[in-house]
Amino acid sequence: MPKIKTLLQKYNQDCAFLPELIALTIKHNKEFIYSHPRHNLNLIQYLRLVYYLHLAKKNYSLARLAKHKEFFGWDFSVNKHTLIPRPETELIVEELLKLIDRAQSSQTKNLLIDIGTGSGCIPIAFLKQIKNHQNKIEVLATDISSPALKIAQRNSQKHKTQIKFIQANLFAPLEKIITQKLSNQFDNLIITANLPYLTPEQFLKEPSVRREPKTALLGGTDGLELYTKLLKQISAWRAKNNTKNKLHIFLEIDPAQAKILPKIKQKYLPDMFLSIKKDLAGQKRLAHLTNQA
């Protein structure tokens, strides 16, 4: 059976993450691959590697094959029902931490709702960073997909975070529970959402996402179909309840949508302030809406 050194030479042009793939195959870390070039794979390992290489050529990512992905320094399980966490999504967690940091001296209590939670990476990573302030915040996480929620619950148990998971589509099914909690216990409502925002054209042009669940990526003709529905539902809820609570909404978007979103905001939430945050690549990635000047 071939040595690691031989495999690196033979398949070097076939896979951009070959060392990591060999490490996955033999259940070692990447450092082992470089420090043990003469290590032999057994027959089963070699056949598994060949199979993985076949899938990699079909645009399966390393995270999709390994069924886990690091996000904000924490490891998350993923499967075919969940979107693989992206580095740019860490911006939501960073902005949440800034928001909580600014308010940590006050006694206000926050209700955080992550809509379309997928693997649960956003609320879990956030809670892992605020261990000293968890008594001031309650977290709900929703998803329309029952299989996705099972993965999110598994990740929450793994990282020992207190999150209530609810199968629901967007905001409307949560109105009653949110209204009750805000009237009795909480001062602020924080909503995070990394909903599907790709257009069909973007999906077809980007091979790396074709092995992701379409339901976690496609957001209608302009990519903003679900965000439009979400903001419309929030608007209807605010009008019905005449809520005075402070409200923060964080939405991950495609950079091109930064020009369209203000029009949607103006239609449904005209009294709220909108700011756009850039990711590390300098792309307009996160929309922050708030009724707090």
C-alpha atoms as a PDB file:
ATOM      1  CA  MET A   1       0.000   0.000   0.000  1.00  0.00           C
ATOM      2  CA  PRO A   2       1.212   3.545  -0.786  1.00  0.00           C
ATOM      3  CA  LYS A   3       3.045   5.820   1.571  1.00  0.00           C
ATOM      4  CA  ILE A   4       1.770   9.314   2.432  1.00  0.00           C
ATOM      5  CA  LYS A   5       4.661  10.847   0.463  1.00  0.00           C
ATOM      6  CA  THR A   6       3.646   8.903  -2.650  1.00  0.00           C
ATOM      7  CA  LEU A   7       0.002   9.944  -2.311  1.00  0.00           C
ATOM      8  CA  LEU A   8       0.912  13.619  -1.943  1.00  0.00           C
ATOM      9  CA  GLN A   9       2.913  13.435  -5.152  1.00  0.00           C
ATOM     10  CA  LYS A  10       0.385  11.362  -7.099  1.00  0.00           C
ATOM     11  CA  TYR A  11      -2.783  13.306  -6.265  1.00  0.00           C
ATOM     12  CA  ASN A  12      -1.358  16.763  -5.674  1.00  0.00           C
ATOM     13  CA  GLN A  13      -3.145  18.258  -8.698  1.00  0.00           C
ATOM     14  CA  ASP A  14      -6.431  16.508  -7.987  1.00  0.00           C
ATOM     15  CA  CYS A  15      -7.413  18.106  -4.694  1.00  0.00           C
ATOM     16  CA  ALA A  16      -6.736  21.515  -3.136  1.00  0.00           C
ATOM     17  CA  PHE A  17      -6.973  20.091   0.385  1.00  0.00           C
ATOM     18  CA  LEU A  18      -5.141  16.788  -0.152  1.00  0.00           C
ATOM     19  CA  PRO A  19      -3.109  16.766   3.126  1.00  0.00           C
ATOM     20  CA  GLU A  20      -6.280  17.420   5.122  1.00  0.00           C
ATOM     21  CA  LEU A  21      -8.103  14.728   3.159  1.00  0.00           C
ATOM     22  CA  ILE A  22      -5.407  12.147   3.871  1.00  0.00           C
ATOM     23  CA  ALA A  23      -5.500  13.168   7.542  1.00  0.00           C
ATOM     24  CA  LEU A  24      -9.266  12.649   7.577  1.00  0.00           C
ATOM     25  CA  THR A  25      -8.851   9.262   5.909  1.00  0.00           C
ATOM     26  CA  ILE A  26      -6.366   7.892   8.425  1.00  0.00           C
ATOM     27  CA  LYS A  27      -7.873   9.737  11.415  1.00  0.00           C
ATOM     28  CA  HIS A  28      -4.817  11.834  12.241  1.00  0.00           C
ATOM     29  CA  ASN A  29      -4.179  15.568  12.195  1.00  0.00           C
ATOM     30  CA  LYS A  30      -2.506  17.399   9.333  1.00  0.00           C
ATOM     31  CA  GLU A  31       0.764  17.699  11.234  1.00  0.00           C
ATOM     32  CA  PHE A  32       1.041  13.910  11.232  1.00  0.00           C
ATOM     33  CA  ILE A  33       0.883  13.904   7.415  1.00  0.00           C
ATOM     34  CA  TYR A  34       3.975  16.106   7.137  1.00  0.00           C
ATOM     35  CA  SER A  35       5.909  14.528  10.000  1.00  0.00           C
ATOM     36  CA  HIS A  36       5.323  10.919   8.860  1.00  0.00           C
ATOM     37  CA  PRO A  37       5.735  10.934   5.069  1.00  0.00           C
ATOM     38  CA  ARG A  38       6.719   7.236   5.048  1.00  0.00           C
ATOM     39  CA  HIS A  39       3.577   6.105   6.864  1.00  0.00           C
ATOM     40  CA  ASN A  40       1.709   3.429   4.878  1.00  0.00           C
ATOM     41  CA  LEU A  41      -2.043   3.417   4.408  1.00  0.00           C
ATOM     42  CA  ASN A  42      -3.786   0.087   4.679  1.00  0.00           C
ATOM     43  CA  LEU A  43      -6.117  -1.150   1.958  1.00  0.00           C
ATOM     44  CA  ILE A  44      -9.312   0.154   3.554  1.00  0.00           C
ATOM     45  CA  GLN A  45      -7.764   3.586   4.128  1.00  0.00           C
ATOM     46  CA  TYR A  46      -6.527   3.778   0.549  1.00  0.00           C
ATOM     47  CA  LEU A  47      -9.933   2.843  -0.870  1.00  0.00           C
ATOM     48  CA  ARG A  48     -11.566   5.423   1.390  1.00  0.00           C
ATOM     49  CA  LEU A  49      -9.140   8.076   0.156  1.00  0.00           C
ATOM     50  CA  VAL A  50      -9.887   7.249  -3.477  1.00  0.00           C
ATOM     51  CA  TYR A  51     -13.596   7.611  -2.707  1.00  0.00           C
ATOM     52  CA  TYR A  52     -13.043  10.957  -0.975  1.00  0.00           C
ATOM     53  CA  LEU A  53     -11.012  12.199  -3.951  1.00  0.00           C
ATOM     54  CA  HIS A  54     -13.872  11.199  -6.239  1.00  0.00           C
ATOM     55  CA  LEU A  55     -16.283  13.279  -4.146  1.00  0.00           C
ATOM     56  CA  ALA A  56     -13.846  16.207  -3.946  1.00  0.00           C
ATOM     57  CA  LYS A  57     -13.793  16.346  -7.760  1.00  0.00           C
ATOM     58  CA  LYS A  58     -17.578  16.676  -7.592  1.00  0.00           C
ATOM     59  CA  ASN A  59     -17.247  19.828  -5.460  1.00  0.00           C
ATOM     60  CA  TYR A  60     -17.689  18.249  -2.040  1.00  0.00           C
ATOM     61  CA  SER A  61     -15.820  20.436   0.459  1.00  0.00           C
ATOM     62  CA  LEU A  62     -13.566  19.118   3.208  1.00  0.00           C
ATOM     63  CA  ALA A  63     -16.138  20.146   5.834  1.00  0.00           C
ATOM     64  CA  ARG A  64     -18.885  18.290   3.975  1.00  0.00           C
ATOM     65  CA  LEU A  65     -16.747  15.124   3.884  1.00  0.00           C
ATOM     66  CA  ALA A  66     -15.532  15.444   7.474  1.00  0.00           C
ATOM     67  CA  LYS A  67     -19.024  16.428   8.715  1.00  0.00           C
ATOM     68  CA  HIS A  68     -17.656  19.125  10.962  1.00  0.00           C
ATOM     69  CA  LYS A  69     -16.401  22.702  10.659  1.00  0.00           C
ATOM     70  CA  GLU A  70     -14.699  25.194  12.944  1.00  0.00           C
ATOM     71  CA  PHE A  71     -16.533  28.452  13.624  1.00  0.00           C
ATOM     72  CA  PHE A  72     -15.345  31.197  15.976  1.00  0.00           C
ATOM     73  CA  GLY A  73     -12.793  28.750  17.379  1.00  0.00           C
ATOM     74  CA  TRP A  74     -15.359  26.057  18.184  1.00  0.00           C
ATOM     75  CA  ASP A  75     -15.995  22.797  16.363  1.00  0.00           C
ATOM     76  CA  PHE A  76     -19.479  22.190  14.923  1.00  0.00           C
ATOM     77  CA  SER A  77     -21.070  19.081  13.487  1.00  0.00           C
ATOM     78  CA  VAL A  78     -22.703  19.561  10.089  1.00  0.00           C
ATOM     79  CA  ASN A  79     -24.567  17.302   7.690  1.00  0.00           C
ATOM     80  CA  LYS A  80     -26.484  17.442   4.418  1.00  0.00           C
ATOM     81  CA  HIS A  81     -29.326  19.338   6.107  1.00  0.00           C
ATOM     82  CA  THR A  82     -27.204  22.243   7.377  1.00  0.00           C
ATOM     83  CA  LEU A  83     -25.234  25.017   5.760  1.00  0.00           C
ATOM     84  CA  ILE A  84     -21.526  24.803   6.488  1.00  0.00           C
ATOM     85  CA  PRO A  85     -20.577  27.766   8.722  1.00  0.00           C
ATOM     86  CA  ARG A  86     -18.652  30.468   6.840  1.00  0.00           C
ATOM     87  CA  PRO A  87     -15.933  32.766   8.237  1.00  0.00           C
ATOM     88  CA  GLU A  88     -17.916  35.845   7.161  1.00  0.00           C
ATOM     89  CA  THR A  89     -20.797  34.798   9.414  1.00  0.00           C
ATOM     90  CA  GLU A  90     -18.520  35.322  12.417  1.00  0.00           C
ATOM     91  CA  LEU A  91     -19.218  39.039  11.902  1.00  0.00           C
ATOM     92  CA  ILE A  92     -22.697  38.508  13.391  1.00  0.00           C
ATOM     93  CA  VAL A  93     -21.174  37.066  16.558  1.00  0.00           C
ATOM     94  CA  GLU A  94     -18.656  39.905  16.756  1.00  0.00           C
ATOM     95  CA  GLU A  95     -21.391  42.531  16.503  1.00  0.00           C
ATOM     96  CA  LEU A  96     -23.507  40.737  19.107  1.00  0.00           C
ATOM     97  CA  LEU A  97     -20.573  40.748  21.493  1.00  0.00           C
ATOM     98  CA  LYS A  98     -20.067  44.485  20.952  1.00  0.00           C
ATOM     99  CA  LEU A  99     -23.744  45.103  21.643  1.00  0.00           C
ATOM    100  CA  ILE A 100     -23.732  43.088  24.854  1.00  0.00           C
ATOM    101  CA  ASP A 101     -20.409  44.600  25.902  1.00  0.00           C
ATOM    102  CA  ARG A 102     -21.846  48.111  25.640  1.00  0.00           C
ATOM    103  CA  ALA A 103     -24.776  47.133  27.846  1.00  0.00           C
ATOM    104  CA  GLN A 104     -22.988  44.911  30.362  1.00  0.00           C
ATOM    105  CA  SER A 105     -22.961  47.574  33.066  1.00  0.00           C
ATOM    106  CA  SER A 106     -26.770  47.836  32.968  1.00  0.00           C
ATOM    107  CA  GLN A 107     -29.280  45.412  34.454  1.00  0.00           C
ATOM    108  CA  THR A 108     -31.232  45.022  31.211  1.00  0.00           C
ATOM    109  CA  LYS A 109     -32.160  41.541  30.084  1.00  0.00           C
ATOM    110  CA  ASN A 110     -32.008  40.466  26.461  1.00  0.00           C
ATOM    111  CA  LEU A 111     -34.008  37.965  24.447  1.00  0.00           C
ATOM    112  CA  LEU A 112     -31.992  36.659  21.496  1.00  0.00           C
ATOM    113  CA  ILE A 113     -33.685  34.818  18.656  1.00  0.00           C
ATOM    114  CA  ASP A 114     -31.639  33.188  15.900  1.00  0.00           C
ATOM    115  CA  ILE A 115     -33.904  32.534  12.927  1.00  0.00           C
ATOM    116  CA  GLY A 116     -32.815  29.832  10.497  1.00  0.00           C
ATOM    117  CA  THR A 117     -30.208  28.566  12.934  1.00  0.00           C
ATOM    118  CA  GLY A 118     -28.934  25.615  10.848  1.00  0.00           C
ATOM    119  CA  SER A 119     -26.063  24.070  12.817  1.00  0.00           C
ATOM    120  CA  GLY A 120     -26.684  26.527  15.661  1.00  0.00           C
ATOM    121  CA  CYS A 121     -23.244  28.063  15.204  1.00  0.00           C
ATOM    122  CA  ILE A 122     -24.283  31.710  15.755  1.00  0.00           C
ATOM    123  CA  PRO A 123     -26.032  31.464  19.148  1.00  0.00           C
ATOM    124  CA  ILE A 124     -23.713  28.735  20.433  1.00  0.00           C
ATOM    125  CA  ALA A 125     -20.516  30.647  19.581  1.00  0.00           C
ATOM    126  CA  PHE A 126     -22.037  33.794  21.081  1.00  0.00           C
ATOM    127  CA  LEU A 127     -22.958  32.108  24.355  1.00  0.00           C
ATOM    128  CA  LYS A 128     -19.513  30.538  24.650  1.00  0.00           C
ATOM    129  CA  GLN A 129     -18.023  34.046  24.629  1.00  0.00           C
ATOM    130  CA  ILE A 130     -20.295  35.593  27.305  1.00  0.00           C
ATOM    131  CA  LYS A 131     -20.077  33.101  30.149  1.00  0.00           C
ATOM    132  CA  ASN A 132     -20.185  35.884  32.746  1.00  0.00           C
ATOM    133  CA  HIS A 133     -23.348  37.484  31.341  1.00  0.00           C
ATOM    134  CA  GLN A 134     -25.500  34.485  30.440  1.00  0.00           C
ATOM    135  CA  ASN A 135     -27.922  35.271  33.282  1.00  0.00           C
ATOM    136  CA  LYS A 136     -28.871  38.433  31.385  1.00  0.00           C
ATOM    137  CA  ILE A 137     -29.832  36.728  28.157  1.00  0.00           C
ATOM    138  CA  GLU A 138     -32.159  33.983  26.977  1.00  0.00           C
ATOM    139  CA  VAL A 139     -31.698  32.382  23.580  1.00  0.00           C
ATOM    140  CA  LEU A 140     -34.243  30.841  21.230  1.00  0.00           C
ATOM    141  CA  ALA A 141     -33.156  29.296  17.940  1.00  0.00           C
ATOM    142  CA  THR A 142     -35.486  28.268  15.138  1.00  0.00           C
ATOM    143  CA  ASP A 143     -35.319  26.446  11.853  1.00  0.00           C
ATOM    144  CA  ILE A 144     -37.899  25.156   9.421  1.00  0.00           C
ATOM    145  CA  SER A 145     -35.897  21.924   9.088  1.00  0.00           C
ATOM    146  CA  SER A 146     -36.334  19.291  11.779  1.00  0.00           C
ATOM    147  CA  PRO A 147     -33.113  17.419  10.763  1.00  0.00           C
ATOM    148  CA  ALA A 148     -31.159  20.688  10.986  1.00  0.00           C
ATOM    149  CA  LEU A 149     -32.516  21.339  14.474  1.00  0.00           C
ATOM    150  CA  LYS A 150     -31.316  17.911  15.594  1.00  0.00           C
ATOM    151  CA  ILE A 151     -27.780  18.846  14.543  1.00  0.00           C
ATOM    152  CA  ALA A 152     -28.089  22.232  16.277  1.00  0.00           C
ATOM    153  CA  GLN A 153     -29.270  20.538  19.477  1.00  0.00           C
ATOM    154  CA  ARG A 154     -26.355  18.107  19.288  1.00  0.00           C
ATOM    155  CA  ASN A 155     -23.915  21.006  18.914  1.00  0.00           C
ATOM    156  CA  SER A 156     -25.538  22.843  21.817  1.00  0.00           C
ATOM    157  CA  GLN A 157     -25.234  19.784  24.058  1.00  0.00           C
ATOM    158  CA  LYS A 158     -21.624  19.316  22.992  1.00  0.00           C
ATOM    159  CA  HIS A 159     -20.743  22.911  23.906  1.00  0.00           C
ATOM    160  CA  LYS A 160     -22.999  22.980  26.989  1.00  0.00           C
ATOM    161  CA  THR A 161     -25.094  26.000  26.035  1.00  0.00           C
ATOM    162  CA  GLN A 162     -28.647  26.764  27.161  1.00  0.00           C
ATOM    163  CA  ILE A 163     -30.764  27.276  24.032  1.00  0.00           C
ATOM    164  CA  LYS A 164     -34.418  26.517  23.373  1.00  0.00           C
ATOM    165  CA  PHE A 165     -34.826  25.124  19.860  1.00  0.00           C
ATOM    166  CA  ILE A 166     -38.132  25.551  18.046  1.00  0.00           C
ATOM    167  CA  GLN A 167     -39.187  24.287  14.641  1.00  0.00           C
ATOM    168  CA  ALA A 168     -40.703  27.345  12.974  1.00  0.00           C
ATOM    169  CA  ASN A 169     -40.722  29.283   9.713  1.00  0.00           C
ATOM    170  CA  LEU A 170     -39.427  32.834  10.185  1.00  0.00           C
ATOM    171  CA  PHE A 171     -40.930  35.149  12.841  1.00  0.00           C
ATOM    172  CA  ALA A 172     -44.728  34.808  12.787  1.00  0.00           C
ATOM    173  CA  PRO A 173     -44.974  31.465  14.678  1.00  0.00           C
ATOM    174  CA  LEU A 174     -42.992  33.004  17.550  1.00  0.00           C
ATOM    175  CA  GLU A 175     -45.138  36.110  18.072  1.00  0.00           C
ATOM    176  CA  LYS A 176     -47.036  34.858  21.104  1.00  0.00           C
ATOM    177  CA  ILE A 177     -44.024  33.575  23.032  1.00  0.00           C
ATOM    178  CA  ILE A 178     -41.986  36.704  22.201  1.00  0.00           C
ATOM    179  CA  THR A 179     -44.760  39.044  23.314  1.00  0.00           C
ATOM    180  CA  GLN A 180     -45.136  37.193  26.603  1.00  0.00           C
ATOM    181  CA  LYS A 181     -41.434  37.197  27.350  1.00  0.00           C
ATOM    182  CA  LEU A 182     -40.939  40.865  26.493  1.00  0.00           C
ATOM    183  CA  SER A 183     -43.886  41.951  28.643  1.00  0.00           C
ATOM    184  CA  ASN A 184     -42.812  39.912  31.667  1.00  0.00           C
ATOM    185  CA  GLN A 185     -39.053  39.427  31.678  1.00  0.00           C
ATOM    186  CA  PHE A 186     -36.971  41.097  28.982  1.00  0.00           C
ATOM    187  CA  ASP A 187     -36.078  44.644  27.998  1.00  0.00           C
ATOM    188  CA  ASN A 188     -34.441  44.116  24.605  1.00  0.00           C
ATOM    189  CA  LEU A 189     -35.171  41.890  21.638  1.00  0.00           C
ATOM    190  CA  ILE A 190     -32.248  40.851  19.431  1.00  0.00           C
ATOM    191  CA  ILE A 191     -32.886  38.960  16.196  1.00  0.00           C
ATOM    192  CA  THR A 192     -30.151  37.336  14.138  1.00  0.00           C
ATOM    193  CA  ALA A 193     -30.699  35.684  10.778  1.00  0.00           C
ATOM    194  CA  ASN A 194     -28.424  34.158   8.187  1.00  0.00           C
ATOM    195  CA  LEU A 195     -31.230  33.166   5.847  1.00  0.00           C
ATOM    196  CA  PRO A 196     -30.814  31.933   2.265  1.00  0.00           C
ATOM    197  CA  TYR A 197     -29.783  34.975   0.208  1.00  0.00           C
ATOM    198  CA  LEU A 198     -28.273  33.662  -3.018  1.00  0.00           C
ATOM    199  CA  THR A 199     -29.991  34.182  -6.362  1.00  0.00           C
ATOM    200  CA  PRO A 200     -30.397  31.190  -8.716  1.00  0.00           C
ATOM    201  CA  GLU A 201     -27.697  32.697 -10.957  1.00  0.00           C
ATOM    202  CA  GLN A 202     -25.223  32.948  -8.072  1.00  0.00           C
ATOM    203  CA  PHE A 203     -25.942  29.361  -7.056  1.00  0.00           C
ATOM    204  CA  LEU A 204     -25.200  28.069 -10.559  1.00  0.00           C
ATOM    205  CA  LYS A 205     -22.023  30.147 -10.932  1.00  0.00           C
ATOM    206  CA  GLU A 206     -20.428  28.975  -7.687  1.00  0.00           C
ATOM    207  CA  PRO A 207     -19.437  25.275  -7.766  1.00  0.00           C
ATOM    208  CA  SER A 208     -18.410  25.236  -4.108  1.00  0.00           C
ATOM    209  CA  VAL A 209     -22.001  25.653  -2.881  1.00  0.00           C
ATOM    210  CA  ARG A 210     -23.688  23.090  -5.096  1.00  0.00           C
ATOM    211  CA  ARG A 211     -23.256  20.366  -2.487  1.00  0.00           C
ATOM    212  CA  GLU A 212     -24.934  22.532   0.132  1.00  0.00           C
ATOM    213  CA  PRO A 213     -28.685  22.185   0.812  1.00  0.00           C
ATOM    214  CA  LYS A 214     -30.497  24.448  -1.672  1.00  0.00           C
ATOM    215  CA  THR A 215     -33.057  25.377   0.961  1.00  0.00           C
ATOM    216  CA  ALA A 216     -30.232  26.953   2.999  1.00  0.00           C
ATOM    217  CA  LEU A 217     -28.933  29.019   0.079  1.00  0.00           C
ATOM    218  CA  LEU A 218     -31.571  30.151  -2.416  1.00  0.00           C
ATOM    219  CA  GLY A 219     -33.408  33.339  -1.501  1.00  0.00           C
ATOM    220  CA  GLY A 220     -35.619  33.931  -4.519  1.00  0.00           C
ATOM    221  CA  THR A 221     -35.087  36.042  -7.626  1.00  0.00           C
ATOM    222  CA  ASP A 222     -33.215  38.861  -5.879  1.00  0.00           C
ATOM    223  CA  GLY A 223     -32.002  36.755  -2.946  1.00  0.00           C
ATOM    224  CA  LEU A 224     -34.050  38.821  -0.491  1.00  0.00           C
ATOM    225  CA  GLU A 225     -37.364  36.982  -0.607  1.00  0.00           C
ATOM    226  CA  LEU A 226     -37.073  35.510   2.892  1.00  0.00           C
ATOM    227  CA  TYR A 227     -35.644  38.679   4.430  1.00  0.00           C
ATOM    228  CA  THR A 228     -38.546  40.639   2.961  1.00  0.00           C
ATOM    229  CA  LYS A 229     -41.020  38.210   4.538  1.00  0.00           C
ATOM    230  CA  LEU A 230     -39.160  38.361   7.839  1.00  0.00           C
ATOM    231  CA  LEU A 231     -39.180  42.167   8.033  1.00  0.00           C
ATOM    232  CA  LYS A 232     -42.842  42.250   6.987  1.00  0.00           C
ATOM    233  CA  GLN A 233     -43.741  39.852   9.801  1.00  0.00           C
ATOM    234  CA  ILE A 234     -41.736  41.843  12.350  1.00  0.00           C
ATOM    235  CA  SER A 235     -43.463  45.031  11.156  1.00  0.00           C
ATOM    236  CA  ALA A 236     -46.924  43.470  11.584  1.00  0.00           C
ATOM    237  CA  TRP A 237     -46.025  42.226  15.063  1.00  0.00           C
ATOM    238  CA  ARG A 238     -44.757  45.653  16.157  1.00  0.00           C
ATOM    239  CA  ALA A 239     -47.900  47.373  14.876  1.00  0.00           C
ATOM    240  CA  LYS A 240     -50.163  44.842  16.631  1.00  0.00           C
ATOM    241  CA  ASN A 241     -48.394  45.010  19.976  1.00  0.00           C
ATOM    242  CA  ASN A 242     -47.188  48.615  19.956  1.00  0.00           C
ATOM    243  CA  THR A 243     -44.010  47.361  21.599  1.00  0.00           C
ATOM    244  CA  LYS A 244     -41.651  49.858  23.200  1.00  0.00           C
ATOM    245  CA  ASN A 245     -38.780  47.425  23.662  1.00  0.00           C
ATOM    246  CA  LYS A 246     -35.412  48.117  22.124  1.00  0.00           C
ATOM    247  CA  LEU A 247     -35.012  46.052  18.989  1.00  0.00           C
ATOM    248  CA  HIS A 248     -31.875  44.985  17.134  1.00  0.00           C
ATOM    249  CA  ILE A 249     -31.939  42.937  13.921  1.00  0.00           C
ATOM    250  CA  PHE A 250     -28.782  41.497  12.355  1.00  0.00           C
ATOM    251  CA  LEU A 251     -29.037  40.068   8.821  1.00  0.00           C
ATOM    252  CA  GLU A 252     -26.213  38.536   6.802  1.00  0.00           C
ATOM    253  CA  ILE A 253     -26.493  39.608   3.154  1.00  0.00           C
ATOM    254  CA  ASP A 254     -24.738  39.436  -0.191  1.00  0.00           C
ATOM    255  CA  PRO A 255     -22.742  42.646  -0.837  1.00  0.00           C
ATOM    256  CA  ALA A 256     -24.885  43.489  -3.887  1.00  0.00           C
ATOM    257  CA  GLN A 257     -28.001  43.518  -1.697  1.00  0.00           C
ATOM    258  CA  ALA A 258     -26.759  46.458   0.368  1.00  0.00           C
ATOM    259  CA  LYS A 259     -28.344  48.759  -2.243  1.00  0.00           C
ATOM    260  CA  ILE A 260     -31.722  47.003  -2.229  1.00  0.00           C
ATOM    261  CA  LEU A 261     -32.229  46.391   1.485  1.00  0.00           C
ATOM    262  CA  PRO A 262     -32.761  50.075   2.443  1.00  0.00           C
ATOM    263  CA  LYS A 263     -35.879  50.165   0.231  1.00  0.00           C
ATOM    264  CA  ILE A 264     -37.288  47.080   1.956  1.00  0.00           C
ATOM    265  CA  LYS A 265     -36.452  48.533   5.362  1.00  0.00           C
ATOM    266  CA  GLN A 266     -38.154  51.803   4.468  1.00  0.00           C
ATOM    267  CA  LYS A 267     -41.307  49.986   3.397  1.00  0.00           C
ATOM    268  CA  TYR A 268     -41.739  47.820   6.490  1.00  0.00           C
ATOM    269  CA  LEU A 269     -39.638  49.393   9.259  1.00  0.00           C
ATOM    270  CA  PRO A 270     -39.364  53.090   8.359  1.00  0.00           C
ATOM    271  CA  ASP A 271     -38.695  54.200  11.938  1.00  0.00           C
ATOM    272  CA  MET A 272     -35.642  51.981  12.330  1.00  0.00           C
ATOM    273  CA  PHE A 273     -32.033  52.922  11.656  1.00  0.00           C
ATOM    274  CA  LEU A 274     -30.026  50.834   9.180  1.00  0.00           C
ATOM    275  CA  SER A 275     -26.257  50.427   9.069  1.00  0.00           C
ATOM    276  CA  ILE A 276     -24.165  48.085   6.930  1.00  0.00           C
ATOM    277  CA  LYS A 277     -21.053  46.404   8.326  1.00  0.00           C
ATOM    278  CA  LYS A 278     -18.164  45.116   6.205  1.00  0.00           C
ATOM    279  CA  ASP A 279     -16.501  41.735   6.632  1.00  0.00           C
ATOM    280  CA  LEU A 280     -12.736  41.132   6.769  1.00  0.00           C
ATOM    281  CA  ALA A 281     -12.610  41.082   2.968  1.00  0.00           C
ATOM    282  CA  GLY A 282     -14.068  44.592   2.855  1.00  0.00           C
ATOM    283  CA  GLN A 283     -17.413  43.330   1.504  1.00  0.00           C
ATOM    284  CA  LYS A 284     -20.714  44.734   2.746  1.00  0.00           C
ATOM    285  CA  ARG A 285     -21.908  41.678   4.642  1.00  0.00           C
ATOM    286  CA  LEU A 286     -24.085  42.527   7.623  1.00  0.00           C
ATOM    287  CA  ALA A 287     -27.169  44.707   7.965  1.00  0.00           C
ATOM    288  CA  HIS A 288     -27.969  46.048  11.426  1.00  0.00           C
ATOM    289  CA  LEU A 289     -31.419  47.505  12.011  1.00  0.00           C
ATOM    290  CA  THR A 290     -32.342  49.110  15.317  1.00  0.00           C
ATOM    291  CA  ASN A 291     -34.931  51.439  16.818  1.00  0.00           C
ATOM    292  CA  GLN A 292     -32.261  52.738  19.168  1.00  0.00           C
ATOM    293  CA  ALA A 293     -30.554  55.922  17.963  1.00  0.00           C
END
